[in-house]
């Protein structure tokens, strides 16, 4: 019954779809995984999330905070000290997303091989056009 509800809803009207767009983006699950290790400062997150730009980390953290998955704590000191941590709801997502990240890491070689095979077949098909 519930699967039917999602299949009939348009993507624009489906609130769950918008949330999935957030957490399935390029960086959110990695940020959540790093925060699963404990509270981090911005610079620690930047260092531990390989390849993320400062701007993208800021945007990702703001979105996760807005969705209630990450909390941000600002200390009134100079220079400003800001820490990020998972909320209780963020921890429930961590529990579920860890399995997905583990699956991806375990199957990288197989996926690379499947992509190479597909690309070879597609190249051969195009050469006959």
C-alpha atoms as a PDB file:
ATOM      1  CA  UNK A   1       0.000   0.000   0.000  1.00  0.00           C
ATOM      2  CA  UNK A   2       2.760   2.458   0.907  1.00  0.00           C
ATOM      3  CA  UNK A   3       4.818   1.712  -2.238  1.00  0.00           C
ATOM      4  CA  UNK A   4       1.715   2.474  -4.303  1.00  0.00           C
ATOM      5  CA  UNK A   5       1.422   5.904  -2.641  1.00  0.00           C
ATOM      6  CA  UNK A   6       4.971   6.796  -3.715  1.00  0.00           C
ATOM      7  CA  UNK A   7       4.582   5.486  -7.248  1.00  0.00           C
ATOM      8  CA  UNK A   8       1.492   7.639  -7.807  1.00  0.00           C
ATOM      9  CA  UNK A   9       2.942  10.896  -6.449  1.00  0.00           C
ATOM     10  CA  UNK A  10       4.718  13.341  -8.728  1.00  0.00           C
ATOM     11  CA  UNK A  11       8.358  14.063  -7.902  1.00  0.00           C
ATOM     12  CA  UNK A  12       7.639  17.744  -7.194  1.00  0.00           C
ATOM     13  CA  UNK A  13       4.887  16.962  -4.712  1.00  0.00           C
ATOM     14  CA  UNK A  14       6.593  14.091  -2.948  1.00  0.00           C
ATOM     15  CA  UNK A  15       8.222  15.346   0.260  1.00  0.00           C
ATOM     16  CA  UNK A  16      10.117  12.097   0.704  1.00  0.00           C
ATOM     17  CA  UNK A  17      11.656  12.528  -2.753  1.00  0.00           C
ATOM     18  CA  UNK A  18      12.967  15.988  -1.847  1.00  0.00           C
ATOM     19  CA  UNK A  19      14.535  14.598   1.307  1.00  0.00           C
ATOM     20  CA  UNK A  20      16.097  11.725  -0.634  1.00  0.00           C
ATOM     21  CA  UNK A  21      17.521  14.270  -3.084  1.00  0.00           C
ATOM     22  CA  UNK A  22      19.264  15.920  -0.107  1.00  0.00           C
ATOM     23  CA  UNK A  23      20.750  12.817   1.481  1.00  0.00           C
ATOM     24  CA  UNK A  24      21.591  11.107  -1.811  1.00  0.00           C
ATOM     25  CA  UNK A  25      23.606  14.016  -3.144  1.00  0.00           C
ATOM     26  CA  UNK A  26      27.335  13.729  -3.670  1.00  0.00           C
ATOM     27  CA  UNK A  27      28.434  14.735  -0.152  1.00  0.00           C
ATOM     28  CA  UNK A  28      25.735  14.341   2.505  1.00  0.00           C
ATOM     29  CA  UNK A  29      26.217  10.665   3.311  1.00  0.00           C
ATOM     30  CA  UNK A  30      29.974  11.159   3.605  1.00  0.00           C
ATOM     31  CA  UNK A  31      29.506  14.106   5.965  1.00  0.00           C
ATOM     32  CA  UNK A  32      27.050  12.044   8.022  1.00  0.00           C
ATOM     33  CA  UNK A  33      29.510   9.128   8.112  1.00  0.00           C
ATOM     34  CA  UNK A  34      32.334  11.376   9.357  1.00  0.00           C
ATOM     35  CA  UNK A  35      30.080  12.972  11.976  1.00  0.00           C
ATOM     36  CA  UNK A  36      29.156   9.452  13.047  1.00  0.00           C
ATOM     37  CA  UNK A  37      32.679   9.288  14.515  1.00  0.00           C
ATOM     38  CA  UNK A  38      31.842  12.185  16.835  1.00  0.00           C
ATOM     39  CA  UNK A  39      31.546  15.951  17.028  1.00  0.00           C
ATOM     40  CA  UNK A  40      33.792  17.795  14.571  1.00  0.00           C
ATOM     41  CA  UNK A  41      34.867  21.328  13.844  1.00  0.00           C
ATOM     42  CA  UNK A  42      34.485  22.652  10.304  1.00  0.00           C
ATOM     43  CA  UNK A  43      38.193  22.323   9.527  1.00  0.00           C
ATOM     44  CA  UNK A  44      38.211  18.710  10.737  1.00  0.00           C
ATOM     45  CA  UNK A  45      35.263  17.898   8.482  1.00  0.00           C
ATOM     46  CA  UNK A  46      36.953  19.621   5.548  1.00  0.00           C
ATOM     47  CA  UNK A  47      40.075  17.555   6.096  1.00  0.00           C
ATOM     48  CA  UNK A  48      38.231  14.238   6.576  1.00  0.00           C
ATOM     49  CA  UNK A  49      35.740  14.531   3.683  1.00  0.00           C
ATOM     50  CA  UNK A  50      38.206  14.064   0.864  1.00  0.00           C
ATOM     51  CA  UNK A  51      37.690  16.354  -2.135  1.00  0.00           C
ATOM     52  CA  UNK A  52      34.925  18.579  -0.776  1.00  0.00           C
ATOM     53  CA  UNK A  53      35.337  22.325  -1.243  1.00  0.00           C
ATOM     54  CA  UNK A  54      34.797  24.781   1.593  1.00  0.00           C
ATOM     55  CA  UNK A  55      31.719  26.171  -0.162  1.00  0.00           C
ATOM     56  CA  UNK A  56      30.207  22.718  -0.768  1.00  0.00           C
ATOM     57  CA  UNK A  57      30.822  21.666   2.837  1.00  0.00           C
ATOM     58  CA  UNK A  58      29.077  24.826   4.028  1.00  0.00           C
ATOM     59  CA  UNK A  59      26.083  24.214   1.740  1.00  0.00           C
ATOM     60  CA  UNK A  60      25.884  20.545   2.756  1.00  0.00           C
ATOM     61  CA  UNK A  61      26.060  21.299   6.478  1.00  0.00           C
ATOM     62  CA  UNK A  62      23.392  23.991   6.195  1.00  0.00           C
ATOM     63  CA  UNK A  63      21.052  21.628   4.374  1.00  0.00           C
ATOM     64  CA  UNK A  64      21.608  18.826   6.872  1.00  0.00           C
ATOM     65  CA  UNK A  65      21.099  21.252   9.755  1.00  0.00           C
ATOM     66  CA  UNK A  66      17.901  22.571   8.170  1.00  0.00           C
ATOM     67  CA  UNK A  67      16.590  19.008   7.835  1.00  0.00           C
ATOM     68  CA  UNK A  68      17.315  18.312  11.500  1.00  0.00           C
ATOM     69  CA  UNK A  69      20.082  15.772  10.847  1.00  0.00           C
ATOM     70  CA  UNK A  70      23.030  17.856  12.065  1.00  0.00           C
ATOM     71  CA  UNK A  71      23.298  20.293  14.941  1.00  0.00           C
ATOM     72  CA  UNK A  72      25.611  23.285  14.940  1.00  0.00           C
ATOM     73  CA  UNK A  73      26.996  24.730  18.143  1.00  0.00           C
ATOM     74  CA  UNK A  74      28.715  28.124  18.173  1.00  0.00           C
ATOM     75  CA  UNK A  75      30.985  29.078  21.053  1.00  0.00           C
ATOM     76  CA  UNK A  76      31.291  32.810  21.803  1.00  0.00           C
ATOM     77  CA  UNK A  77      35.079  32.980  21.726  1.00  0.00           C
ATOM     78  CA  UNK A  78      37.604  34.656  19.465  1.00  0.00           C
ATOM     79  CA  UNK A  79      38.197  33.312  16.922  1.00  0.00           C
ATOM     80  CA  UNK A  80      34.725  31.768  16.674  1.00  0.00           C
ATOM     81  CA  UNK A  81      34.577  28.073  17.491  1.00  0.00           C
ATOM     82  CA  UNK A  82      31.849  26.051  15.750  1.00  0.00           C
ATOM     83  CA  UNK A  83      31.180  22.344  16.194  1.00  0.00           C
ATOM     84  CA  UNK A  84      28.913  20.016  14.247  1.00  0.00           C
ATOM     85  CA  UNK A  85      27.370  16.769  15.427  1.00  0.00           C
ATOM     86  CA  UNK A  86      24.627  14.392  14.410  1.00  0.00           C
ATOM     87  CA  UNK A  87      21.240  14.833  16.004  1.00  0.00           C
ATOM     88  CA  UNK A  88      19.322  11.830  17.275  1.00  0.00           C
ATOM     89  CA  UNK A  89      17.505  11.688  13.936  1.00  0.00           C
ATOM     90  CA  UNK A  90      20.851  11.983  12.120  1.00  0.00           C
ATOM     91  CA  UNK A  91      22.096   8.953  14.066  1.00  0.00           C
ATOM     92  CA  UNK A  92      19.167   6.891  12.803  1.00  0.00           C
ATOM     93  CA  UNK A  93      20.136   7.828   9.242  1.00  0.00           C
ATOM     94  CA  UNK A  94      23.774   6.936   9.975  1.00  0.00           C
ATOM     95  CA  UNK A  95      22.706   3.457  11.051  1.00  0.00           C
ATOM     96  CA  UNK A  96      20.892   2.907   7.766  1.00  0.00           C
ATOM     97  CA  UNK A  97      23.349   4.623   5.433  1.00  0.00           C
ATOM     98  CA  UNK A  98      26.397   2.793   6.782  1.00  0.00           C
ATOM     99  CA  UNK A  99      25.144  -0.418   5.191  1.00  0.00           C
ATOM    100  CA  UNK A 100      24.700   1.352   1.841  1.00  0.00           C
ATOM    101  CA  UNK A 101      28.203   2.856   1.959  1.00  0.00           C
ATOM    102  CA  UNK A 102      29.670  -0.533   2.906  1.00  0.00           C
ATOM    103  CA  UNK A 103      27.827  -2.154  -0.002  1.00  0.00           C
ATOM    104  CA  UNK A 104      29.204   0.441  -2.419  1.00  0.00           C
ATOM    105  CA  UNK A 105      32.770  -0.058  -1.203  1.00  0.00           C
ATOM    106  CA  UNK A 106      32.455  -3.865  -1.410  1.00  0.00           C
ATOM    107  CA  UNK A 107      31.203  -3.766  -5.015  1.00  0.00           C
ATOM    108  CA  UNK A 108      33.396  -1.055  -6.550  1.00  0.00           C
ATOM    109  CA  UNK A 109      35.497  -3.491  -8.591  1.00  0.00           C
ATOM    110  CA  UNK A 110      32.409  -5.285  -9.933  1.00  0.00           C
ATOM    111  CA  UNK A 111      30.751  -2.011 -10.849  1.00  0.00           C
ATOM    112  CA  UNK A 112      33.908  -0.773 -12.581  1.00  0.00           C
ATOM    113  CA  UNK A 113      34.032  -4.021 -14.594  1.00  0.00           C
ATOM    114  CA  UNK A 114      30.342  -3.752 -15.508  1.00  0.00           C
ATOM    115  CA  UNK A 115      30.824  -0.149 -16.650  1.00  0.00           C
ATOM    116  CA  UNK A 116      33.854  -1.042 -18.753  1.00  0.00           C
ATOM    117  CA  UNK A 117      31.951  -3.921 -20.361  1.00  0.00           C
ATOM    118  CA  UNK A 118      28.974  -1.695 -21.098  1.00  0.00           C
ATOM    119  CA  UNK A 119      31.195   1.048 -22.549  1.00  0.00           C
ATOM    120  CA  UNK A 120      32.932  -1.493 -24.816  1.00  0.00           C
ATOM    121  CA  UNK A 121      29.595  -2.829 -26.059  1.00  0.00           C
ATOM    122  CA  UNK A 122      28.267   0.693 -26.606  1.00  0.00           C
ATOM    123  CA  UNK A 123      31.419   1.672 -28.507  1.00  0.00           C
ATOM    124  CA  UNK A 124      31.034  -1.349 -30.805  1.00  0.00           C
ATOM    125  CA  UNK A 125      27.378  -0.574 -31.467  1.00  0.00           C
ATOM    126  CA  UNK A 126      28.226   3.020 -32.408  1.00  0.00           C
ATOM    127  CA  UNK A 127      30.952   1.910 -34.776  1.00  0.00           C
ATOM    128  CA  UNK A 128      28.273   0.127 -36.859  1.00  0.00           C
ATOM    129  CA  UNK A 129      26.097   3.250 -37.154  1.00  0.00           C
END
